[in-house]
Amino acid sequence: AEKELAYYRAQDSLVKDLVAEAQSRLPKDP
C-alpha cells in the first residue's frame, strides 16, 4: 500500500490516513 501510494501519487487524503493508520497498528494489531 505504501509503495502504490508513492508510485501512483494518490491524491486522496483518506488513502494516506488509512496507510498511516495501518502502519501504526502493525506491531500491536496486524
Full PDB file with SEQRES, HELIX, SHEET, SSBOND, CRYST1, ORIGX, SCALE, CONECT and MASTER records, all heavy atoms in Angstrom:
SEQRES   1 A   30  ALA GLU LYS GLU LEU ALA TYR TYR ARG ALA GLN ASP SER          
SEQRES   2 A   30  LEU VAL LYS ASP LEU VAL ALA GLU ALA GLN SER ARG LEU          
SEQRES   3 A   30  PRO LYS ASP PRO                                              
HELIX    1 AA1 GLU A    2  TYR A    8  1                                   7    
HELIX    2 AA2 SER A   13  ARG A   25  1                                  13    
CRYST1    1.000    1.000    1.000  90.00  90.00  90.00 P 1           1          
ORIGX1      1.000000  0.000000  0.000000        0.00000                         
ORIGX2      0.000000  1.000000  0.000000        0.00000                         
ORIGX3      0.000000  0.000000  1.000000        0.00000                         
SCALE1      1.000000  0.000000  0.000000        0.00000                         
SCALE2      0.000000  1.000000  0.000000        0.00000                         
SCALE3      0.000000  0.000000  1.000000        0.00000                         
ATOM      1  N   ALA A   1       0.838  -1.204   0.000  1.00  0.00           N  
ATOM      2  CA  ALA A   1       0.000   0.000   0.000  1.00  0.00           C  
ATOM      3  C   ALA A   1       0.872   1.253   0.000  1.00  0.00           C  
ATOM      4  O   ALA A   1       0.585   2.218  -0.718  1.00  0.00           O  
ATOM      5  CB  ALA A   1      -0.935   0.000   1.199  1.00  0.00           C  
ATOM      6  N   GLU A   2       1.946   1.252   0.794  1.00  0.00           N  
ATOM      7  CA  GLU A   2       2.848   2.405   0.817  1.00  0.00           C  
ATOM      8  C   GLU A   2       3.506   2.612  -0.539  1.00  0.00           C  
ATOM      9  O   GLU A   2       3.614   3.754  -1.019  1.00  0.00           O  
ATOM     10  CB  GLU A   2       3.936   2.210   1.882  1.00  0.00           C  
ATOM     11  CG  GLU A   2       3.444   2.353   3.292  1.00  0.00           C  
ATOM     12  CD  GLU A   2       4.516   2.037   4.321  1.00  0.00           C  
ATOM     13  OE1 GLU A   2       5.537   1.391   3.968  1.00  0.00           O  
ATOM     14  OE2 GLU A   2       4.340   2.446   5.474  1.00  0.00           O  
ATOM     15  N   LYS A   3       3.929   1.527  -1.175  1.00  0.00           N  
ATOM     16  CA  LYS A   3       4.601   1.637  -2.471  1.00  0.00           C  
ATOM     17  C   LYS A   3       3.642   2.099  -3.561  1.00  0.00           C  
ATOM     18  O   LYS A   3       4.001   2.932  -4.395  1.00  0.00           O  
ATOM     19  CB  LYS A   3       5.252   0.310  -2.843  1.00  0.00           C  
ATOM     20  CG  LYS A   3       6.463   0.012  -1.980  1.00  0.00           C  
ATOM     21  CD  LYS A   3       7.040  -1.348  -2.257  1.00  0.00           C  
ATOM     22  CE  LYS A   3       8.198  -1.611  -1.309  1.00  0.00           C  
ATOM     23  NZ  LYS A   3       8.699  -2.975  -1.415  1.00  0.00           N  
ATOM     24  N   GLU A   4       2.419   1.571  -3.554  1.00  0.00           N  
ATOM     25  CA  GLU A   4       1.445   2.015  -4.560  1.00  0.00           C  
ATOM     26  C   GLU A   4       1.030   3.463  -4.325  1.00  0.00           C  
ATOM     27  O   GLU A   4       0.802   4.204  -5.276  1.00  0.00           O  
ATOM     28  CB  GLU A   4       0.226   1.099  -4.567  1.00  0.00           C  
ATOM     29  CG  GLU A   4       0.480  -0.202  -5.271  1.00  0.00           C  
ATOM     30  CD  GLU A   4      -0.787  -0.947  -5.633  1.00  0.00           C  
ATOM     31  OE1 GLU A   4      -1.864  -0.310  -5.721  1.00  0.00           O  
ATOM     32  OE2 GLU A   4      -0.688  -2.164  -5.842  1.00  0.00           O  
ATOM     33  N   LEU A   5       0.939   3.860  -3.078  1.00  0.00           N  
ATOM     34  CA  LEU A   5       0.611   5.248  -2.765  1.00  0.00           C  
ATOM     35  C   LEU A   5       1.686   6.179  -3.325  1.00  0.00           C  
ATOM     36  O   LEU A   5       1.379   7.212  -3.922  1.00  0.00           O  
ATOM     37  CB  LEU A   5       0.483   5.430  -1.253  1.00  0.00           C  
ATOM     38  CG  LEU A   5       0.162   6.826  -0.735  1.00  0.00           C  
ATOM     39  CD1 LEU A   5      -1.218   7.260  -1.203  1.00  0.00           C  
ATOM     40  CD2 LEU A   5       0.224   6.849   0.775  1.00  0.00           C  
ATOM     41  N   ALA A   6       2.944   5.797  -3.167  1.00  0.00           N  
ATOM     42  CA  ALA A   6       4.040   6.615  -3.681  1.00  0.00           C  
ATOM     43  C   ALA A   6       4.114   6.556  -5.203  1.00  0.00           C  
ATOM     44  O   ALA A   6       4.320   7.582  -5.861  1.00  0.00           O  
ATOM     45  CB  ALA A   6       5.361   6.155  -3.073  1.00  0.00           C  
ATOM     46  N   TYR A   7       3.945   5.380  -5.775  1.00  0.00           N  
ATOM     47  CA  TYR A   7       4.112   5.216  -7.209  1.00  0.00           C  
ATOM     48  C   TYR A   7       3.014   5.904  -8.007  1.00  0.00           C  
ATOM     49  O   TYR A   7       3.282   6.591  -8.978  1.00  0.00           O  
ATOM     50  CB  TYR A   7       4.155   3.732  -7.570  1.00  0.00           C  
ATOM     51  CG  TYR A   7       4.425   3.479  -9.025  1.00  0.00           C  
ATOM     52  CD1 TYR A   7       5.706   3.585  -9.533  1.00  0.00           C  
ATOM     53  CD2 TYR A   7       3.393   3.143  -9.901  1.00  0.00           C  
ATOM     54  CE1 TYR A   7       5.959   3.357 -10.871  1.00  0.00           C  
ATOM     55  CE2 TYR A   7       3.632   2.914 -11.232  1.00  0.00           C  
ATOM     56  CZ  TYR A   7       4.923   3.017 -11.723  1.00  0.00           C  
ATOM     57  OH  TYR A   7       5.165   2.809 -13.052  1.00  0.00           O  
ATOM     58  N   TYR A   8       1.768   5.712  -7.602  1.00  0.00           N  
ATOM     59  CA  TYR A   8       0.647   6.292  -8.346  1.00  0.00           C  
ATOM     60  C   TYR A   8       0.307   7.702  -7.883  1.00  0.00           C  
ATOM     61  O   TYR A   8      -0.600   8.317  -8.426  1.00  0.00           O  
ATOM     62  CB  TYR A   8      -0.593   5.393  -8.244  1.00  0.00           C  
ATOM     63  CG  TYR A   8      -0.420   4.098  -8.985  1.00  0.00           C  
ATOM     64  CD1 TYR A   8      -0.308   2.907  -8.310  1.00  0.00           C  
ATOM     65  CD2 TYR A   8      -0.346   4.082 -10.365  1.00  0.00           C  
ATOM     66  CE1 TYR A   8      -0.145   1.715  -8.984  1.00  0.00           C  
ATOM     67  CE2 TYR A   8      -0.181   2.903 -11.055  1.00  0.00           C  
ATOM     68  CZ  TYR A   8      -0.078   1.720 -10.359  1.00  0.00           C  
ATOM     69  OH  TYR A   8       0.091   0.545 -11.041  1.00  0.00           O  
ATOM     70  N   ARG A   9       1.004   8.190  -6.880  1.00  0.00           N  
ATOM     71  CA  ARG A   9       0.798   9.554  -6.365  1.00  0.00           C  
ATOM     72  C   ARG A   9      -0.682   9.807  -6.079  1.00  0.00           C  
ATOM     73  O   ARG A   9      -1.278  10.769  -6.577  1.00  0.00           O  
ATOM     74  CB  ARG A   9       1.337  10.589  -7.341  1.00  0.00           C  
ATOM     75  CG  ARG A   9       2.806  10.488  -7.571  1.00  0.00           C  
ATOM     76  CD  ARG A   9       3.284  11.581  -8.508  1.00  0.00           C  
ATOM     77  NE  ARG A   9       4.649  11.338  -8.896  1.00  0.00           N  
ATOM     78  CZ  ARG A   9       5.011  10.829 -10.062  1.00  0.00           C  
ATOM     79  NH1 ARG A   9       4.084  10.506 -10.950  1.00  0.00           N  
ATOM     80  NH2 ARG A   9       6.272  10.645 -10.354  1.00  0.00           N  
ATOM     81  N   ALA A  10      -1.262   8.961  -5.288  1.00  0.00           N  
ATOM     82  CA  ALA A  10      -2.683   9.074  -4.950  1.00  0.00           C  
ATOM     83  C   ALA A  10      -2.943  10.395  -4.233  1.00  0.00           C  
ATOM     84  O   ALA A  10      -2.201  10.788  -3.339  1.00  0.00           O  
ATOM     85  CB  ALA A  10      -3.113   7.902  -4.078  1.00  0.00           C  
ATOM     86  N   GLN A  11      -3.985  11.081  -4.631  1.00  0.00           N  
ATOM     87  CA  GLN A  11      -4.306  12.397  -4.090  1.00  0.00           C  
ATOM     88  C   GLN A  11      -5.332  12.339  -2.966  1.00  0.00           C  
ATOM     89  O   GLN A  11      -5.572  13.341  -2.311  1.00  0.00           O  
ATOM     90  CB  GLN A  11      -4.830  13.305  -5.214  1.00  0.00           C  
ATOM     91  CG  GLN A  11      -3.850  13.486  -6.345  1.00  0.00           C  
ATOM     92  CD  GLN A  11      -2.562  14.144  -5.875  1.00  0.00           C  
ATOM     93  OE1 GLN A  11      -2.588  15.079  -5.097  1.00  0.00           O  
ATOM     94  NE2 GLN A  11      -1.436  13.631  -6.335  1.00  0.00           N  
ATOM     95  N   ASP A  12      -5.925  11.194  -2.761  1.00  0.00           N  
ATOM     96  CA  ASP A  12      -6.979  11.048  -1.766  1.00  0.00           C  
ATOM     97  C   ASP A  12      -6.383  11.066  -0.356  1.00  0.00           C  
ATOM     98  O   ASP A  12      -5.528  10.252  -0.014  1.00  0.00           O  
ATOM     99  CB  ASP A  12      -7.708   9.730  -2.010  1.00  0.00           C  
ATOM    100  CG  ASP A  12      -8.979   9.609  -1.200  1.00  0.00           C  
ATOM    101  OD1 ASP A  12      -9.306  10.545  -0.454  1.00  0.00           O  
ATOM    102  OD2 ASP A  12      -9.647   8.565  -1.331  1.00  0.00           O  
ATOM    103  N   SER A  13      -6.838  11.993   0.462  1.00  0.00           N  
ATOM    104  CA  SER A  13      -6.300  12.096   1.825  1.00  0.00           C  
ATOM    105  C   SER A  13      -6.708  10.907   2.687  1.00  0.00           C  
ATOM    106  O   SER A  13      -5.977  10.520   3.602  1.00  0.00           O  
ATOM    107  CB  SER A  13      -6.761  13.399   2.475  1.00  0.00           C  
ATOM    108  OG  SER A  13      -8.163  13.410   2.599  1.00  0.00           O  
ATOM    109  N   LEU A  14      -7.851  10.303   2.400  1.00  0.00           N  
ATOM    110  CA  LEU A  14      -8.288   9.138   3.163  1.00  0.00           C  
ATOM    111  C   LEU A  14      -7.338   7.961   2.954  1.00  0.00           C  
ATOM    112  O   LEU A  14      -7.053   7.219   3.893  1.00  0.00           O  
ATOM    113  CB  LEU A  14      -9.716   8.745   2.771  1.00  0.00           C  
ATOM    114  CG  LEU A  14     -10.308   7.547   3.496  1.00  0.00           C  
ATOM    115  CD1 LEU A  14     -10.340   7.787   5.007  1.00  0.00           C  
ATOM    116  CD2 LEU A  14     -11.684   7.238   2.981  1.00  0.00           C  
ATOM    117  N   VAL A  15      -6.821   7.801   1.743  1.00  0.00           N  
ATOM    118  CA  VAL A  15      -5.875   6.722   1.471  1.00  0.00           C  
ATOM    119  C   VAL A  15      -4.612   6.921   2.299  1.00  0.00           C  
ATOM    120  O   VAL A  15      -4.091   5.977   2.906  1.00  0.00           O  
ATOM    121  CB  VAL A  15      -5.539   6.650  -0.033  1.00  0.00           C  
ATOM    122  CG1 VAL A  15      -4.437   5.639  -0.302  1.00  0.00           C  
ATOM    123  CG2 VAL A  15      -6.774   6.307  -0.837  1.00  0.00           C  
ATOM    124  N   LYS A  16      -4.142   8.140   2.364  1.00  0.00           N  
ATOM    125  CA  LYS A  16      -2.944   8.437   3.160  1.00  0.00           C  
ATOM    126  C   LYS A  16      -3.205   8.163   4.639  1.00  0.00           C  
ATOM    127  O   LYS A  16      -2.348   7.614   5.344  1.00  0.00           O  
ATOM    128  CB  LYS A  16      -2.519   9.888   2.949  1.00  0.00           C  
ATOM    129  CG  LYS A  16      -2.066  10.166   1.533  1.00  0.00           C  
ATOM    130  CD  LYS A  16      -1.778  11.626   1.317  1.00  0.00           C  
ATOM    131  CE  LYS A  16      -1.458  11.893  -0.149  1.00  0.00           C  
ATOM    132  NZ  LYS A  16      -1.298  13.309  -0.442  1.00  0.00           N  
ATOM    133  N   ASP A  17      -4.383   8.528   5.117  1.00  0.00           N  
ATOM    134  CA  ASP A  17      -4.744   8.258   6.511  1.00  0.00           C  
ATOM    135  C   ASP A  17      -4.833   6.756   6.790  1.00  0.00           C  
ATOM    136  O   ASP A  17      -4.400   6.292   7.849  1.00  0.00           O  
ATOM    137  CB  ASP A  17      -6.075   8.920   6.860  1.00  0.00           C  
ATOM    138  CG  ASP A  17      -5.997  10.434   6.874  1.00  0.00           C  
ATOM    139  OD1 ASP A  17      -4.869  10.969   6.960  1.00  0.00           O  
ATOM    140  OD2 ASP A  17      -7.061  11.079   6.793  1.00  0.00           O  
ATOM    141  N   LEU A  18      -5.403   6.003   5.841  1.00  0.00           N  
ATOM    142  CA  LEU A  18      -5.522   4.554   6.023  1.00  0.00           C  
ATOM    143  C   LEU A  18      -4.151   3.879   6.081  1.00  0.00           C  
ATOM    144  O   LEU A  18      -3.917   3.005   6.916  1.00  0.00           O  
ATOM    145  CB  LEU A  18      -6.350   3.941   4.894  1.00  0.00           C  
ATOM    146  CG  LEU A  18      -7.849   4.167   4.940  1.00  0.00           C  
ATOM    147  CD1 LEU A  18      -8.501   3.638   3.670  1.00  0.00           C  
ATOM    148  CD2 LEU A  18      -8.456   3.511   6.149  1.00  0.00           C  
ATOM    149  N   VAL A  19      -3.246   4.300   5.208  1.00  0.00           N  
ATOM    150  CA  VAL A  19      -1.908   3.707   5.206  1.00  0.00           C  
ATOM    151  C   VAL A  19      -1.176   4.059   6.496  1.00  0.00           C  
ATOM    152  O   VAL A  19      -0.520   3.206   7.104  1.00  0.00           O  
ATOM    153  CB  VAL A  19      -1.118   4.155   3.956  1.00  0.00           C  
ATOM    154  CG1 VAL A  19       0.337   3.731   4.053  1.00  0.00           C  
ATOM    155  CG2 VAL A  19      -1.756   3.585   2.702  1.00  0.00           C  
ATOM    156  N   ALA A  20      -1.304   5.306   6.942  1.00  0.00           N  
ATOM    157  CA  ALA A  20      -0.653   5.711   8.192  1.00  0.00           C  
ATOM    158  C   ALA A  20      -1.231   4.944   9.388  1.00  0.00           C  
ATOM    159  O   ALA A  20      -0.482   4.511  10.272  1.00  0.00           O  
ATOM    160  CB  ALA A  20      -0.808   7.217   8.399  1.00  0.00           C  
ATOM    161  N   GLU A  21      -2.544   4.764   9.400  1.00  0.00           N  
ATOM    162  CA  GLU A  21      -3.185   4.016  10.489  1.00  0.00           C  
ATOM    163  C   GLU A  21      -2.763   2.547  10.458  1.00  0.00           C  
ATOM    164  O   GLU A  21      -2.502   1.945  11.511  1.00  0.00           O  
ATOM    165  CB  GLU A  21      -4.707   4.130  10.371  1.00  0.00           C  
ATOM    166  CG  GLU A  21      -5.469   3.516  11.498  1.00  0.00           C  
ATOM    167  CD  GLU A  21      -5.400   4.313  12.783  1.00  0.00           C  
ATOM    168  OE1 GLU A  21      -5.123   5.519  12.747  1.00  0.00           O  
ATOM    169  OE2 GLU A  21      -5.624   3.693  13.851  1.00  0.00           O  
ATOM    170  N   ALA A  22      -2.672   1.967   9.262  1.00  0.00           N  
ATOM    171  CA  ALA A  22      -2.235   0.573   9.155  1.00  0.00           C  
ATOM    172  C   ALA A  22      -0.791   0.426   9.627  1.00  0.00           C  
ATOM    173  O   ALA A  22      -0.458  -0.539  10.319  1.00  0.00           O  
ATOM    174  CB  ALA A  22      -2.364   0.103   7.708  1.00  0.00           C  
ATOM    175  N   GLN A  23       0.043   1.383   9.289  1.00  0.00           N  
ATOM    176  CA  GLN A  23       1.448   1.336   9.714  1.00  0.00           C  
ATOM    177  C   GLN A  23       1.555   1.437  11.236  1.00  0.00           C  
ATOM    178  O   GLN A  23       2.350   0.744  11.848  1.00  0.00           O  
ATOM    179  CB  GLN A  23       2.235   2.471   9.044  1.00  0.00           C  
ATOM    180  CG  GLN A  23       3.711   2.454   9.314  1.00  0.00           C  
ATOM    181  CD  GLN A  23       4.402   1.254   8.691  1.00  0.00           C  
ATOM    182  OE1 GLN A  23       3.957   0.723   7.690  1.00  0.00           O  
ATOM    183  NE2 GLN A  23       5.472   0.806   9.304  1.00  0.00           N  
ATOM    184  N   SER A  24       0.727   2.282  11.837  1.00  0.00           N  
ATOM    185  CA  SER A  24       0.795   2.445  13.289  1.00  0.00           C  
ATOM    186  C   SER A  24       0.237   1.223  14.039  1.00  0.00           C  
ATOM    187  O   SER A  24       0.674   0.914  15.137  1.00  0.00           O  
ATOM    188  CB  SER A  24       0.060   3.706  13.725  1.00  0.00           C  
ATOM    189  OG  SER A  24      -1.331   3.559  13.529  1.00  0.00           O  
ATOM    190  N   ARG A  25      -0.735   0.512  13.435  1.00  0.00           N  
ATOM    191  CA  ARG A  25      -1.342  -0.642  14.094  1.00  0.00           C  
ATOM    192  C   ARG A  25      -0.600  -1.949  13.825  1.00  0.00           C  
ATOM    193  O   ARG A  25      -0.915  -2.971  14.431  1.00  0.00           O  
ATOM    194  CB  ARG A  25      -2.787  -0.816  13.631  1.00  0.00           C  
ATOM    195  CG  ARG A  25      -3.705   0.223  14.182  1.00  0.00           C  
ATOM    196  CD  ARG A  25      -5.106  -0.037  13.689  1.00  0.00           C  
ATOM    197  NE  ARG A  25      -5.984   1.037  14.097  1.00  0.00           N  
ATOM    198  CZ  ARG A  25      -7.119   0.841  14.729  1.00  0.00           C  
ATOM    199  NH1 ARG A  25      -7.520  -0.366  15.012  1.00  0.00           N  
ATOM    200  NH2 ARG A  25      -7.868   1.865  15.062  1.00  0.00           N  
ATOM    201  N   LEU A  26       0.358  -1.921  12.934  1.00  0.00           N  
ATOM    202  CA  LEU A  26       1.034  -3.139  12.515  1.00  0.00           C  
ATOM    203  C   LEU A  26       1.657  -3.935  13.663  1.00  0.00           C  
ATOM    204  O   LEU A  26       1.434  -5.146  13.750  1.00  0.00           O  
ATOM    205  CB  LEU A  26       2.084  -2.808  11.449  1.00  0.00           C  
ATOM    206  CG  LEU A  26       2.688  -3.971  10.697  1.00  0.00           C  
ATOM    207  CD1 LEU A  26       1.615  -4.770  10.005  1.00  0.00           C  
ATOM    208  CD2 LEU A  26       3.670  -3.454   9.676  1.00  0.00           C  
ATOM    209  N   PRO A  27       2.396  -3.321  14.589  1.00  0.00           N  
ATOM    210  CA  PRO A  27       3.010  -4.146  15.645  1.00  0.00           C  
ATOM    211  C   PRO A  27       2.008  -4.748  16.641  1.00  0.00           C  
ATOM    212  O   PRO A  27       2.156  -5.892  17.057  1.00  0.00           O  
ATOM    213  CB  PRO A  27       3.951  -3.188  16.371  1.00  0.00           C  
ATOM    214  CG  PRO A  27       3.998  -1.947  15.578  1.00  0.00           C  
ATOM    215  CD  PRO A  27       2.841  -1.945  14.657  1.00  0.00           C  
ATOM    216  N   LYS A  28       0.975  -3.986  17.003  1.00  0.00           N  
ATOM    217  CA  LYS A  28       0.080  -4.468  18.057  1.00  0.00           C  
ATOM    218  C   LYS A  28      -1.182  -5.160  17.546  1.00  0.00           C  
ATOM    219  O   LYS A  28      -1.753  -5.981  18.244  1.00  0.00           O  
ATOM    220  CB  LYS A  28      -0.286  -3.308  18.987  1.00  0.00           C  
ATOM    221  CG  LYS A  28      -0.964  -2.142  18.307  1.00  0.00           C  
ATOM    222  CD  LYS A  28      -1.217  -0.999  19.264  1.00  0.00           C  
ATOM    223  CE  LYS A  28      -1.843   0.170  18.572  1.00  0.00           C  
ATOM    224  NZ  LYS A  28      -0.916   1.142  18.062  1.00  0.00           N  
ATOM    225  N   ASP A  29      -1.636  -4.832  16.339  1.00  0.00           N  
ATOM    226  CA  ASP A  29      -2.865  -5.425  15.802  1.00  0.00           C  
ATOM    227  C   ASP A  29      -2.702  -5.686  14.304  1.00  0.00           C  
ATOM    228  O   ASP A  29      -3.224  -4.942  13.463  1.00  0.00           O  
ATOM    229  CB  ASP A  29      -4.040  -4.481  16.070  1.00  0.00           C  
ATOM    230  CG  ASP A  29      -5.379  -5.153  15.852  1.00  0.00           C  
ATOM    231  OD1 ASP A  29      -5.403  -6.365  15.553  1.00  0.00           O  
ATOM    232  OD2 ASP A  29      -6.408  -4.461  15.998  1.00  0.00           O  
ATOM    233  N   PRO A  30      -1.981  -6.755  13.925  1.00  0.00           N  
ATOM    234  CA  PRO A  30      -1.722  -6.984  12.500  1.00  0.00           C  
ATOM    235  C   PRO A  30      -2.977  -7.329  11.695  1.00  0.00           C  
ATOM    236  O   PRO A  30      -3.027  -7.059  10.500  1.00  0.00           O  
ATOM    237  CB  PRO A  30      -0.727  -8.149  12.497  1.00  0.00           C  
ATOM    238  CG  PRO A  30      -0.862  -8.797  13.814  1.00  0.00           C  
ATOM    239  CD  PRO A  30      -1.321  -7.741  14.762  1.00  0.00           C  
TER     240      PRO A  30                                                      
MASTER        0    0    0    2    0    0    0    6  239    1    0    3          
END                                                                             
